[in-house]
Amino acid sequence: MAGKKSFVLRIDEGTYKALEKWANDDFRSVNGQIEWLLDQKLKEAGRLKASDTNNSKQTTTKKNSK
């Protein structure tokens, strides 16, 4: 996967507050929590290989370390 794609996500306030609390409990941002949750569910459903996300994380890490 090359880079990250930005998009707008509209969710109700209650869902956002639940995500925000969960993210805080896991020491993540809400965005990071949503990414983690989507990644986990895609893997569980067999729609994303573990190597797909590892490549993405390595690319991001390399960009951030410069």
N, C-alpha and C. Protein backbone atom coordinates (compact mmCIF):
# COMPACT_ATOMS: atom_id res chain seq x y z
N MET A 1 0.84 -1.17 0.00
CA MET A 1 0.00 0.00 0.00
C MET A 1 0.89 1.24 0.00
N ALA A 2 0.59 2.20 -0.82
CA ALA A 2 1.39 3.41 -0.90
C ALA A 2 0.70 4.55 -0.18
N GLY A 3 1.31 5.07 0.88
CA GLY A 3 0.78 6.22 1.58
C GLY A 3 -0.57 6.00 2.21
N LYS A 4 -1.10 7.07 2.76
CA LYS A 4 -2.41 7.01 3.39
C LYS A 4 -3.39 7.88 2.62
N LYS A 5 -4.62 7.45 2.59
CA LYS A 5 -5.69 8.17 1.90
C LYS A 5 -6.50 8.94 2.94
N SER A 6 -6.72 10.21 2.70
CA SER A 6 -7.54 11.03 3.60
C SER A 6 -8.98 11.08 3.11
N PHE A 7 -9.93 11.03 4.03
CA PHE A 7 -11.33 11.17 3.68
C PHE A 7 -12.12 11.61 4.90
N VAL A 8 -13.31 12.13 4.67
CA VAL A 8 -14.18 12.59 5.75
C VAL A 8 -15.05 11.43 6.22
N LEU A 9 -15.17 11.29 7.52
CA LEU A 9 -16.01 10.26 8.11
C LEU A 9 -17.04 10.93 9.01
N ARG A 10 -18.30 10.71 8.71
CA ARG A 10 -19.37 11.28 9.53
C ARG A 10 -19.95 10.18 10.41
N ILE A 11 -19.87 10.39 11.73
CA ILE A 11 -20.45 9.43 12.68
C ILE A 11 -21.20 10.22 13.75
N ASP A 12 -22.13 9.54 14.40
CA ASP A 12 -22.91 10.24 15.41
C ASP A 12 -22.06 10.51 16.65
N GLU A 13 -22.49 11.46 17.45
CA GLU A 13 -21.72 11.92 18.59
C GLU A 13 -21.45 10.82 19.61
N GLY A 14 -22.44 9.98 19.85
CA GLY A 14 -22.27 8.88 20.82
C GLY A 14 -21.18 7.91 20.39
N THR A 15 -21.16 7.58 19.10
CA THR A 15 -20.13 6.69 18.58
C THR A 15 -18.75 7.33 18.71
N TYR A 16 -18.67 8.62 18.40
CA TYR A 16 -17.39 9.32 18.51
C TYR A 16 -16.90 9.32 19.95
N LYS A 17 -17.79 9.60 20.89
CA LYS A 17 -17.40 9.63 22.30
C LYS A 17 -16.90 8.27 22.77
N ALA A 18 -17.57 7.19 22.32
CA ALA A 18 -17.14 5.84 22.67
C ALA A 18 -15.75 5.55 22.08
N LEU A 19 -15.54 5.94 20.82
CA LEU A 19 -14.23 5.77 20.19
C LEU A 19 -13.15 6.58 20.90
N GLU A 20 -13.51 7.79 21.28
CA GLU A 20 -12.57 8.68 21.97
C GLU A 20 -12.13 8.08 23.31
N LYS A 21 -13.08 7.55 24.07
CA LYS A 21 -12.75 6.92 25.35
C LYS A 21 -11.88 5.69 25.14
N TRP A 22 -12.25 4.86 24.17
CA TRP A 22 -11.48 3.66 23.87
C TRP A 22 -10.06 4.03 23.45
N ALA A 23 -9.95 5.04 22.59
CA ALA A 23 -8.63 5.49 22.13
C ALA A 23 -7.79 5.98 23.31
N ASN A 24 -8.39 6.76 24.18
CA ASN A 24 -7.66 7.25 25.36
C ASN A 24 -7.20 6.09 26.24
N ASP A 25 -8.06 5.10 26.41
CA ASP A 25 -7.70 3.93 27.22
C ASP A 25 -6.51 3.18 26.62
N ASP A 26 -6.39 3.20 25.29
CA ASP A 26 -5.30 2.50 24.58
C ASP A 26 -4.14 3.44 24.22
N PHE A 27 -4.18 4.69 24.72
CA PHE A 27 -3.14 5.68 24.45
C PHE A 27 -2.95 5.93 22.96
N ARG A 28 -4.08 6.04 22.26
CA ARG A 28 -4.07 6.34 20.81
C ARG A 28 -4.92 7.57 20.56
N SER A 29 -4.74 8.15 19.37
CA SER A 29 -5.66 9.19 18.91
C SER A 29 -6.92 8.49 18.40
N VAL A 30 -7.99 9.24 18.24
CA VAL A 30 -9.21 8.66 17.68
C VAL A 30 -8.93 8.14 16.28
N ASN A 31 -8.19 8.90 15.49
CA ASN A 31 -7.83 8.46 14.14
C ASN A 31 -7.04 7.15 14.19
N GLY A 32 -6.07 7.07 15.08
CA GLY A 32 -5.28 5.85 15.23
C GLY A 32 -6.12 4.67 15.66
N GLN A 33 -7.09 4.94 16.52
CA GLN A 33 -7.98 3.87 17.00
C GLN A 33 -8.86 3.35 15.86
N ILE A 34 -9.37 4.25 15.05
CA ILE A 34 -10.20 3.84 13.91
C ILE A 34 -9.36 3.03 12.92
N GLU A 35 -8.13 3.48 12.65
CA GLU A 35 -7.25 2.73 11.75
C GLU A 35 -6.98 1.33 12.31
N TRP A 36 -6.69 1.24 13.60
CA TRP A 36 -6.40 -0.04 14.23
C TRP A 36 -7.63 -0.96 14.14
N LEU A 37 -8.79 -0.42 14.47
CA LEU A 37 -10.03 -1.20 14.45
C LEU A 37 -10.34 -1.72 13.04
N LEU A 38 -10.24 -0.85 12.05
CA LEU A 38 -10.48 -1.27 10.66
C LEU A 38 -9.47 -2.33 10.24
N ASP A 39 -8.22 -2.14 10.59
CA ASP A 39 -7.18 -3.11 10.25
C ASP A 39 -7.49 -4.48 10.86
N GLN A 40 -7.87 -4.51 12.15
CA GLN A 40 -8.19 -5.76 12.82
C GLN A 40 -9.38 -6.46 12.16
N LYS A 41 -10.42 -5.72 11.89
CA LYS A 41 -11.63 -6.31 11.30
C LYS A 41 -11.38 -6.79 9.87
N LEU A 42 -10.60 -6.06 9.09
CA LEU A 42 -10.28 -6.50 7.73
C LEU A 42 -9.48 -7.80 7.76
N LYS A 43 -8.55 -7.91 8.69
CA LYS A 43 -7.77 -9.16 8.83
C LYS A 43 -8.68 -10.32 9.25
N GLU A 44 -9.55 -10.07 10.23
CA GLU A 44 -10.48 -11.11 10.70
C GLU A 44 -11.37 -11.62 9.58
N ALA A 45 -11.78 -10.71 8.70
CA ALA A 45 -12.67 -11.07 7.60
C ALA A 45 -11.91 -11.68 6.42
N GLY A 46 -10.57 -11.74 6.52
CA GLY A 46 -9.78 -12.29 5.44
C GLY A 46 -9.69 -11.38 4.23
N ARG A 47 -9.92 -10.12 4.43
CA ARG A 47 -9.89 -9.16 3.32
C ARG A 47 -8.59 -8.36 3.27
N LEU A 48 -7.73 -8.58 4.23
CA LEU A 48 -6.46 -7.87 4.27
C LEU A 48 -5.40 -8.82 4.81
N LYS A 49 -4.32 -8.96 4.08
CA LYS A 49 -3.22 -9.80 4.53
C LYS A 49 -2.38 -9.02 5.53
N ALA A 50 -1.79 -9.71 6.48
CA ALA A 50 -0.93 -9.07 7.46
C ALA A 50 0.21 -8.33 6.79
N SER A 51 0.73 -8.87 5.69
CA SER A 51 1.85 -8.22 4.98
C SER A 51 1.44 -6.89 4.36
N ASP A 52 0.16 -6.72 4.01
CA ASP A 52 -0.30 -5.45 3.43
C ASP A 52 -0.13 -4.32 4.43
N THR A 53 -0.50 -4.54 5.68
CA THR A 53 -0.38 -3.47 6.67
C THR A 53 1.05 -3.30 7.13
N ASN A 54 1.84 -4.37 7.16
CA ASN A 54 3.23 -4.24 7.55
C ASN A 54 3.99 -3.38 6.57
N ASN A 55 3.73 -3.54 5.28
CA ASN A 55 4.38 -2.71 4.27
C ASN A 55 4.00 -1.26 4.44
N SER A 56 2.75 -0.99 4.73
CA SER A 56 2.27 0.37 4.93
C SER A 56 2.93 1.00 6.14
N LYS A 57 3.04 0.25 7.24
CA LYS A 57 3.64 0.78 8.47
C LYS A 57 5.12 1.04 8.28
N GLN A 58 5.82 0.17 7.53
CA GLN A 58 7.24 0.37 7.28
C GLN A 58 7.46 1.62 6.45
N THR A 59 6.62 1.86 5.46
CA THR A 59 6.73 3.05 4.62
C THR A 59 6.50 4.30 5.45
N THR A 60 5.48 4.28 6.31
CA THR A 60 5.18 5.42 7.17
C THR A 60 6.31 5.67 8.14
N THR A 61 6.87 4.62 8.73
CA THR A 61 7.96 4.75 9.68
C THR A 61 9.19 5.36 9.01
N LYS A 62 9.49 4.92 7.80
CA LYS A 62 10.63 5.46 7.07
C LYS A 62 10.45 6.94 6.78
N LYS A 63 9.22 7.34 6.40
CA LYS A 63 8.95 8.75 6.10
C LYS A 63 9.09 9.59 7.36
N ASN A 64 8.58 9.08 8.49
CA ASN A 64 8.61 9.83 9.75
C ASN A 64 10.00 9.93 10.35
N SER A 65 10.89 9.01 10.04
CA SER A 65 12.22 9.02 10.63
C SER A 65 13.19 9.94 9.90
N LYS A 66 12.79 10.50 8.77
CA LYS A 66 13.69 11.40 8.01
C LYS A 66 13.77 12.77 8.65
